Protein backbone atom coordinates (compact mmCIF):
# COMPACT_ATOMS: atom_id res chain seq x y z
CA MET A 1 124.64 105.20 114.79
CA ARG A 2 125.17 106.34 111.20
CA LEU A 3 124.48 109.70 109.55
CA GLN A 4 124.10 110.19 105.80
CA ALA A 5 123.49 113.45 103.93
CA SER A 6 122.91 114.39 100.30
CA LEU A 7 122.39 117.77 98.69
CA GLY A 8 121.28 118.70 95.20
CA ALA A 9 119.20 121.05 93.12
CA GLU A 10 116.86 120.80 90.16
CA TYR A 11 116.80 123.35 87.37
CA SER A 12 113.79 123.70 85.06
CA GLU A 13 113.13 125.89 82.06
CA VAL A 14 109.70 126.24 80.47
CA THR A 15 109.17 127.97 77.13
CA SER A 16 105.75 128.73 75.67
CA ASP A 17 104.75 130.07 72.25
CA GLY A 18 101.75 132.05 71.08
CA VAL A 19 100.15 135.27 72.29
CA ASN A 20 101.52 134.89 75.82
CA ALA A 21 104.92 133.56 74.78
CA GLN A 22 107.45 133.53 77.59
CA THR A 23 110.39 131.62 79.01
CA ARG A 24 110.57 130.83 82.70
CA SER A 25 113.30 129.14 84.67
CA PHE A 26 113.56 128.15 88.30
CA THR A 27 115.93 126.28 90.58
CA ARG A 28 114.69 124.14 93.44
CA PRO A 29 117.02 122.78 96.16
CA LYS A 30 116.57 119.18 97.23
CA GLY A 31 118.34 116.57 99.33
CA SER A 32 118.09 114.52 102.48
CA LEU A 33 119.56 113.98 105.93
CA ALA A 34 119.21 110.44 107.32
CA LEU A 35 120.12 109.04 110.74
CA LEU A 36 120.16 105.30 111.49
CA TRP A 37 120.26 104.22 115.13
CA GLU A 38 120.56 100.56 116.10
CA VAL A 39 119.01 100.82 119.55
CA ARG A 40 119.63 97.13 120.19
CA GLU A 41 120.08 93.96 118.17
CA ASN A 42 116.41 93.64 117.25
CA LEU A 43 115.37 97.30 117.08
CA THR A 44 116.46 99.93 114.55
CA ILE A 45 115.20 103.51 114.24
CA ASN A 46 115.62 105.34 110.94
CA THR A 47 114.98 109.08 110.79
CA GLU A 48 115.06 111.05 107.56
CA LEU A 49 114.44 114.68 106.67
CA SER A 50 114.15 115.19 102.92
CA ARG A 51 113.11 117.72 100.34
CA SER A 52 112.00 116.61 96.88
CA VAL A 53 110.74 118.33 93.72
CA GLY A 54 107.74 117.03 91.81
CA GLN A 55 107.46 116.50 88.07
CA LEU A 56 105.13 118.27 85.68
CA SER A 57 103.38 116.72 82.72
CA LEU A 58 102.95 118.28 79.29
CA PHE A 59 99.20 117.93 79.81
CA ASP A 60 99.41 120.32 82.78
CA PHE A 61 100.20 123.13 80.34
CA VAL A 62 97.79 122.43 77.48
CA PRO A 63 93.97 122.48 77.38
CA ASP A 64 91.99 119.28 77.00
CA VAL A 65 88.42 117.98 76.92
CA ASP A 66 87.34 114.75 78.58
CA LEU A 67 84.87 113.21 76.12
CA ASP A 68 83.58 110.77 78.75
CA ASP A 69 82.45 113.33 81.33
CA GLY A 70 82.31 116.49 79.18
CA LEU A 71 84.54 118.49 81.55
CA ASN A 72 87.05 120.93 80.08
CA GLN A 73 90.48 121.92 81.34
CA SER A 74 92.32 125.03 80.20
CA GLY A 75 96.07 125.23 79.85
CA ASN A 76 98.20 127.08 82.39
CA ILE A 77 101.67 128.22 81.40
CA ASP A 78 102.35 129.60 84.90
CA ILE A 79 102.32 126.24 86.69
CA VAL A 80 105.44 125.22 88.65
CA PRO A 81 106.43 121.86 90.21
CA ALA A 82 105.50 121.15 93.81
CA GLN A 83 108.19 120.89 96.49
CA THR A 84 107.76 118.50 99.41
CA THR A 85 109.56 118.60 102.76
CA ARG A 86 109.12 115.28 104.55
CA LEU A 87 110.07 114.11 108.04
CA GLU A 88 109.93 110.35 108.50
CA VAL A 89 110.66 108.17 111.51
CA GLN A 90 110.73 104.41 110.97
CA PHE A 91 110.86 101.74 113.68
CA GLU A 92 112.03 98.27 112.56
CA ARG A 93 111.55 95.47 115.10
CA ASP A 94 112.71 91.88 114.60
CA TYR A 95 110.83 89.36 116.77
CA GLY A 96 112.98 86.40 115.76
CA LYS A 97 110.91 83.25 115.31
CA TRP A 98 107.70 85.31 115.65
CA GLY A 99 108.39 87.55 112.63
CA ASN A 100 108.98 91.27 112.23
CA THR A 101 107.19 94.59 111.99
CA THR A 102 107.93 98.07 110.66
CA LEU A 103 106.11 101.22 111.75
CA THR A 104 106.65 104.40 109.76
CA LEU A 105 105.41 107.79 110.97
CA TYR A 106 105.64 110.75 108.61
CA GLY A 107 104.61 114.34 108.01
CA GLU A 108 104.88 116.41 104.84
CA GLN A 109 104.75 120.10 104.02
CA ILE A 110 103.96 120.55 100.32
CA ASP A 111 104.62 123.95 98.76
CA ASP A 112 103.09 124.95 95.41
CA ILE A 113 100.98 121.78 95.42
CA VAL A 114 99.46 121.07 92.00
CA ASP A 115 95.67 120.94 91.94
CA ARG A 116 92.77 122.08 89.78
CA ILE A 117 92.26 125.83 90.19
CA PRO A 118 89.98 128.50 88.70
CA ILE A 119 91.72 130.91 86.31
CA THR A 120 90.55 133.91 84.31
CA PHE A 121 90.46 133.19 80.57
CA THR A 122 90.30 135.92 77.93
CA ASP A 123 89.30 134.97 74.39
CA ALA A 124 90.29 136.68 71.11
CA SER A 125 87.33 139.08 71.41
CA GLY A 126 88.39 140.26 74.85
CA ASN A 127 85.63 138.41 76.70
CA THR A 128 86.63 136.95 80.06
CA SER A 129 85.39 133.87 81.87
CA ILE A 130 86.42 131.63 84.75
CA ARG A 131 87.78 128.26 83.69
CA GLU A 132 89.45 125.30 85.32
CA ALA A 133 93.15 124.53 84.90
CA ARG A 134 95.94 122.60 86.56
CA GLY A 135 97.75 125.07 88.76
CA ASN A 136 99.41 125.71 92.11
CA LEU A 137 98.00 126.25 95.57
CA ASP A 138 100.17 127.86 98.24
CA SER A 139 100.67 124.80 100.43
CA ALA A 140 99.24 121.61 101.87
CA THR A 141 100.06 119.27 104.74
CA ARG A 142 99.94 115.49 104.84
CA TYR A 143 100.72 113.08 107.66
CA GLY A 144 100.06 109.48 108.55
CA PHE A 145 101.54 106.10 109.34
CA ASP A 146 102.33 102.80 107.62
CA LEU A 147 102.39 99.55 109.58
CA ALA A 148 103.70 96.42 107.86
CA GLY A 149 105.13 93.11 108.95
CA THR A 150 105.05 89.33 109.04
CA PHE A 151 103.77 86.98 111.73
CA LEU A 152 105.22 83.46 111.65
CA PHE A 153 103.06 80.65 113.01
CA ASP A 154 105.97 78.23 113.40
CA ALA A 155 106.37 79.57 116.92
CA ILE A 156 103.01 78.05 117.92
CA GLY A 157 103.51 74.80 116.02
CA TRP A 158 101.74 75.66 112.76
CA LYS A 159 104.60 74.82 110.41
CA GLY A 160 105.09 76.79 107.19
CA ALA A 161 102.28 79.29 107.90
CA GLN A 162 102.69 83.05 107.91
CA LEU A 163 100.58 86.19 107.79
CA ASP A 164 101.85 89.31 105.99
CA TYR A 165 100.00 92.50 106.90
CA GLU A 166 99.99 96.13 105.90
CA PHE A 167 97.87 99.00 107.21
CA ASP A 168 98.29 102.58 105.98
CA TYR A 169 96.38 105.66 107.11
CA ARG A 170 96.84 109.19 105.83
CA LYS A 171 95.34 112.62 106.63
CA SER A 172 95.86 115.67 104.45
CA GLU A 173 94.73 119.29 104.50
CA VAL A 174 94.61 121.96 101.81
CA GLU A 175 92.59 125.14 101.36
CA ASP A 176 90.09 124.76 98.54
CA PRO A 177 90.85 127.50 95.96
CA LEU A 178 87.15 127.95 95.15
CA THR A 179 85.30 127.73 98.47
CA GLY A 180 88.11 128.60 100.92
CA ASP A 181 87.23 125.53 103.02
CA THR A 182 89.85 123.13 104.37
CA ARG A 183 89.60 119.71 102.74
CA ARG A 184 91.73 116.68 101.92
CA ILE A 185 94.04 116.75 98.93
CA SER A 186 92.04 115.83 95.84
CA GLY A 187 92.14 112.08 95.16
CA ASP A 188 94.58 111.44 98.03
CA LYS A 189 94.87 108.04 99.72
CA ILE A 190 93.04 107.77 103.04
CA ARG A 191 93.65 104.17 104.04
CA PHE A 192 94.91 100.86 102.70
CA ILE A 193 94.59 97.43 104.33
CA ASP A 194 96.16 94.22 103.07
CA LEU A 195 96.24 90.84 104.83
CA GLU A 196 97.89 87.87 103.09
CA PHE A 197 98.07 84.38 104.61
CA ARG A 198 100.09 81.49 103.19
CA GLN A 199 101.03 78.01 104.34
CA ASP A 200 103.58 75.79 102.64
CA ILE A 201 102.55 72.30 103.70
CA GLU A 202 105.53 70.57 105.26
CA GLY A 203 107.00 67.68 103.28
CA THR A 204 104.96 68.43 100.13
CA ASP A 205 105.02 70.75 97.10
CA TRP A 206 101.59 72.15 98.00
CA ALA A 207 100.72 75.55 99.41
CA TYR A 208 97.48 77.45 99.94
CA GLY A 209 96.38 80.80 101.27
CA TRP A 210 94.11 83.80 101.08
CA GLU A 211 94.26 87.60 100.77
CA ILE A 212 91.99 90.47 101.82
CA GLU A 213 92.58 93.97 100.48
CA ASN A 214 90.78 97.30 100.85
CA TYR A 215 91.67 100.78 99.51
CA TYR A 216 89.87 104.07 100.14
CA GLN A 217 90.68 107.53 98.77
CA SER A 218 89.31 111.06 99.10
CA ALA A 219 87.02 112.69 96.56
CA VAL A 220 88.32 114.40 93.42
CA PHE A 221 87.45 118.11 93.28
CA ARG A 222 86.87 120.07 90.06
CA LEU A 223 85.55 123.57 89.42
CA ASN A 224 81.93 122.49 89.04
CA ALA A 225 81.96 118.86 90.16
CA THR A 226 83.12 116.37 92.76
CA SER A 227 83.55 112.65 92.18
CA ALA A 228 84.16 109.75 94.55
CA PHE A 229 85.14 106.15 93.87
CA GLU A 230 84.78 103.33 96.38
CA SER A 231 85.07 99.55 96.24
CA VAL A 232 82.99 97.70 98.84
CA PRO A 233 83.23 95.27 100.54
CA PRO A 234 86.98 94.45 100.60
CA PHE A 235 88.42 92.29 97.82
CA ALA A 236 89.16 88.74 98.96
CA SER A 237 90.72 85.74 97.23
CA ILE A 238 91.97 82.23 97.96
CA PHE A 239 94.58 80.17 96.14
CA VAL A 240 96.05 76.68 95.88
CA GLU A 241 99.59 76.24 94.57
CA HIS A 242 101.79 73.34 93.46
CA LYS A 243 105.50 74.15 93.24
CA ASP A 244 106.65 71.35 90.96
CA ILE A 245 104.58 70.77 87.82
CA TYR A 246 107.35 69.52 85.54
CA GLY A 247 109.64 72.12 87.10
CA LEU A 248 107.06 74.92 87.00
CA THR A 249 104.82 76.45 89.66
CA GLY A 250 101.08 76.28 89.12
CA ARG A 251 98.54 78.37 90.97
CA VAL A 252 94.73 78.52 90.88
CA ILE A 253 93.16 81.68 92.33
CA LEU A 254 89.49 82.31 93.06
CA GLY A 255 88.91 86.03 93.56
CA ASN A 256 86.18 88.43 94.64
CA LEU A 257 84.80 86.07 97.28
CA PHE A 258 82.85 88.87 99.00
CA ASP A 259 81.22 90.00 95.74
CA GLN A 260 82.82 93.45 95.68
CA ASP A 261 81.15 96.33 93.82
CA ASP A 262 82.88 99.34 92.27
CA ASN A 263 80.79 102.41 93.12
CA PHE A 264 81.21 105.82 91.50
CA THR A 265 79.36 109.04 92.41
CA ARG A 266 79.65 112.40 90.69
CA GLN A 267 77.92 115.61 91.77
CA ARG A 268 77.65 118.57 89.39
CA PHE A 269 77.03 122.16 90.45
CA SER A 270 76.09 125.34 88.60
CA PRO A 271 77.87 127.57 87.89
CA ASP A 272 80.52 126.00 90.19
CA ARG A 273 80.76 124.24 93.56
CA ASN A 274 79.61 127.41 95.30
CA GLY A 275 76.34 127.17 93.37
CA ASP A 276 73.41 124.79 93.28
CA LEU A 277 73.58 121.03 92.98
CA VAL A 278 72.08 120.30 89.55
CA GLN A 279 72.95 116.67 88.86
CA VAL A 280 73.93 113.51 90.73
CA GLU A 281 75.37 110.56 88.84
CA ASP A 282 75.64 107.14 90.50
CA ARG A 283 77.24 104.11 88.88
CA SER A 284 77.85 100.65 90.30
CA ARG A 285 79.67 97.75 88.66
CA ASN A 286 79.38 94.19 89.90
CA PHE A 287 81.94 92.00 88.18
CA GLY A 288 81.29 88.69 90.01
CA PRO A 289 83.79 85.94 90.86
CA ILE A 290 87.20 85.79 89.17
CA LEU A 291 89.05 82.57 88.33
CA VAL A 292 92.76 82.75 87.45
CA MET A 293 95.02 79.84 86.49
CA ARG A 294 98.73 80.65 86.38
CA LEU A 295 101.81 78.66 85.39
CA SER A 296 105.22 80.24 85.96
CA GLY A 297 108.89 79.35 86.07
CA SER A 298 112.04 79.10 83.99
CA PHE A 299 112.47 76.81 81.01
């Protein structure tokens, strides 16, 4: 059993010019405490408690206009970086000739999470209005699990074949600053699935395989609109590979076997999401099959 600890802090100073010129500084503690326990030869449990500080972008402070969707964002000089406290427990199991698997369970408490919030804007004439800006919400929670591993088919006589898999699921909760309802974090991952099979044919330089992948995320919330992006059905591909073409590796990939579509939906409300639904925009893109030919290696 091994214990490792680290402790640090992050100092930030933000200076703004103009009518509301000010200088702000803040210090955020961070660090981690990790415990590794080798339960037995083929099972290890890693536990970590950590606190991290997020990073802000210049564009969080300044106003901008998205010319594609016509939505405006005001600047917010009062924004601060988010701080995340995370507890993670990871189980690593080695099955020998059968492969291995890793299961990670985690929970996060996010303070001062950065999201889009309504703020009061006052123009040069003293008129006030409610606008959207990047800003902080009090807190949010996020928890989930990641399962990843490799299954080796050698154990059942299928030489050179293996299946790599990954399955992630996440749940998050935050109080919407406009409606007061509890919802997922804007644009947060919900689930991810990836299956990748490969067989290196024994006694040859040939290999083949396939991959299936699917990703799904929560809607993006703005002051007067919500948008959702989804790709259905899952993306699938097959490949054939030769590992010695004059010392190089050649691969031919045929992708999008299930004819995946990218679907986008945006709902607009007036004057904001507490008001009436005034417009629904639906877009779908079908990009057909994909053929890739790749040659790689060292000269």
